[in-house]
């Protein structure tokens, strides 16, 4: 009985921790995306026009390729900064893994291939 309660407490803690990590990661990621969208929309709304913005993105891409071939240290430092900006994804992934582990027993206990049981029908 004590083992069953400990397993239940562990699943409850995993579910709570997973939900907190997942929601915090989504909050941080979406706030970063919101700032990025505001910056990009300001670039598209500028008086320069859409063509100039597309050309600026193209030139930035060419600069990245040039840096990759001729200055590996700067390219790796820039790539490191870009990857660091995705740190909320680590929170989201770890939260999803914890939630999956917490709900695995509940989902596998219920057989979805069969229809509802007689007790579920009686409760409706």
Protein backbone atom coordinates (compact mmCIF):
# COMPACT_ATOMS: atom_id res chain seq x y z
CA UNK A 1 0.00 0.00 0.00
CA UNK A 2 2.84 2.39 0.89
CA UNK A 3 4.58 1.61 -2.39
CA UNK A 4 1.41 2.40 -4.33
CA UNK A 5 1.06 5.74 -2.53
CA UNK A 6 4.74 6.57 -3.17
CA UNK A 7 4.30 5.82 -6.87
CA UNK A 8 1.21 8.00 -6.93
CA UNK A 9 3.07 10.85 -5.20
CA UNK A 10 5.97 10.52 -7.65
CA UNK A 11 3.59 10.69 -10.62
CA UNK A 12 1.85 13.67 -9.08
CA UNK A 13 5.18 15.46 -8.56
CA UNK A 14 6.28 14.62 -12.10
CA UNK A 15 3.02 15.92 -13.51
CA UNK A 16 3.26 19.14 -11.50
CA UNK A 17 6.92 19.72 -12.35
CA UNK A 18 6.27 18.90 -16.00
CA UNK A 19 3.36 21.31 -16.21
CA UNK A 20 5.38 24.09 -14.58
CA UNK A 21 8.39 23.56 -16.85
CA UNK A 22 6.24 23.30 -19.95
CA UNK A 23 4.24 26.44 -19.18
CA UNK A 24 7.33 28.45 -18.18
CA UNK A 25 9.12 27.40 -21.35
CA UNK A 26 6.13 28.32 -23.50
CA UNK A 27 5.86 31.69 -21.73
CA UNK A 28 9.53 32.54 -22.30
CA UNK A 29 9.52 31.25 -25.87
CA UNK A 30 6.36 33.10 -26.86
CA UNK A 31 7.56 36.33 -25.27
CA UNK A 32 10.76 36.06 -27.31
CA UNK A 33 8.78 35.33 -30.46
CA UNK A 34 6.54 38.31 -29.73
CA UNK A 35 9.56 40.63 -29.53
CA UNK A 36 10.98 39.16 -32.72
CA UNK A 37 7.67 39.59 -34.53
CA UNK A 38 7.50 43.22 -33.43
CA UNK A 39 11.01 43.86 -34.77
CA UNK A 40 10.29 42.11 -38.06
CA UNK A 41 6.98 43.92 -38.51
CA UNK A 42 8.75 47.24 -37.95
CA UNK A 43 11.20 46.26 -40.69
CA UNK A 44 8.39 45.48 -43.12
CA UNK A 45 6.44 48.64 -42.22
CA UNK A 46 9.37 50.93 -42.82
CA UNK A 47 9.26 53.42 -45.67
CA UNK A 48 12.01 51.50 -47.49
CA UNK A 49 9.53 48.88 -48.62
CA UNK A 50 9.33 45.14 -48.90
CA UNK A 51 11.97 44.77 -51.62
CA UNK A 52 14.62 46.52 -49.54
CA UNK A 53 13.81 44.32 -46.55
CA UNK A 54 14.13 41.15 -48.63
CA UNK A 55 17.43 42.40 -50.03
CA UNK A 56 18.68 43.12 -46.51
CA UNK A 57 17.84 39.55 -45.46
CA UNK A 58 19.61 38.21 -48.55
CA UNK A 59 22.73 40.25 -47.85
CA UNK A 60 22.70 39.10 -44.22
CA UNK A 61 22.55 35.50 -45.45
CA UNK A 62 25.47 36.07 -47.79
CA UNK A 63 27.42 37.64 -44.92
CA UNK A 64 26.74 34.55 -42.80
CA UNK A 65 28.02 32.28 -45.58
CA UNK A 66 31.13 34.44 -45.99
CA UNK A 67 31.78 34.31 -42.24
CA UNK A 68 31.32 30.53 -42.26
CA UNK A 69 33.98 30.04 -44.91
CA UNK A 70 36.53 32.66 -43.88
CA UNK A 71 36.12 33.25 -40.12
CA UNK A 72 35.14 30.04 -38.35
CA UNK A 73 35.64 31.45 -34.83
CA UNK A 74 33.19 34.34 -35.39
CA UNK A 75 30.71 32.01 -37.06
CA UNK A 76 30.81 29.57 -34.15
CA UNK A 77 30.41 32.40 -31.63
CA UNK A 78 27.39 33.72 -33.53
CA UNK A 79 25.91 30.23 -33.84
CA UNK A 80 26.41 29.74 -30.12
CA UNK A 81 24.45 32.94 -29.42
CA UNK A 82 21.65 31.85 -31.74
CA UNK A 83 21.39 28.44 -30.08
CA UNK A 84 21.45 30.06 -26.66
CA UNK A 85 18.38 32.07 -27.60
CA UNK A 86 16.45 28.79 -27.88
CA UNK A 87 16.94 27.85 -24.21
CA UNK A 88 13.18 27.87 -23.51
CA UNK A 89 12.90 24.83 -25.79
CA UNK A 90 14.90 22.86 -23.22
CA UNK A 91 12.25 23.72 -20.61
CA UNK A 92 9.47 22.72 -22.98
CA UNK A 93 11.07 19.39 -23.89
CA UNK A 94 11.87 18.47 -20.29
CA UNK A 95 8.36 19.41 -19.19
CA UNK A 96 6.85 17.29 -21.96
CA UNK A 97 9.01 14.32 -20.97
CA UNK A 98 7.96 14.64 -17.33
CA UNK A 99 4.30 14.90 -18.30
CA UNK A 100 4.61 11.89 -20.58
CA UNK A 101 6.14 9.84 -17.77
CA UNK A 102 3.48 10.97 -15.32
CA UNK A 103 0.54 10.18 -17.58
CA UNK A 104 1.95 7.05 -19.21
CA UNK A 105 0.33 4.72 -16.68
CA UNK A 106 -3.03 6.44 -16.89
CA UNK A 107 -3.15 6.36 -20.66
CA UNK A 108 -1.91 2.79 -21.05
CA UNK A 109 -4.33 1.57 -18.36
CA UNK A 110 -7.25 2.64 -20.48
CA UNK A 111 -7.65 0.67 -23.66
CA UNK A 112 -8.63 3.05 -26.45
CA UNK A 113 -9.18 0.32 -29.03
CA UNK A 114 -12.31 -0.86 -27.28
CA UNK A 115 -15.46 1.12 -26.78
CA UNK A 116 -16.48 2.59 -23.44
CA UNK A 117 -16.97 0.13 -20.62
CA UNK A 118 -20.39 -0.64 -19.16
CA UNK A 119 -19.62 1.42 -16.02
CA UNK A 120 -18.72 4.46 -18.18
CA UNK A 121 -21.98 4.09 -20.09
CA UNK A 122 -23.95 3.83 -16.82
CA UNK A 123 -22.39 7.08 -15.53
CA UNK A 124 -23.50 8.99 -18.62
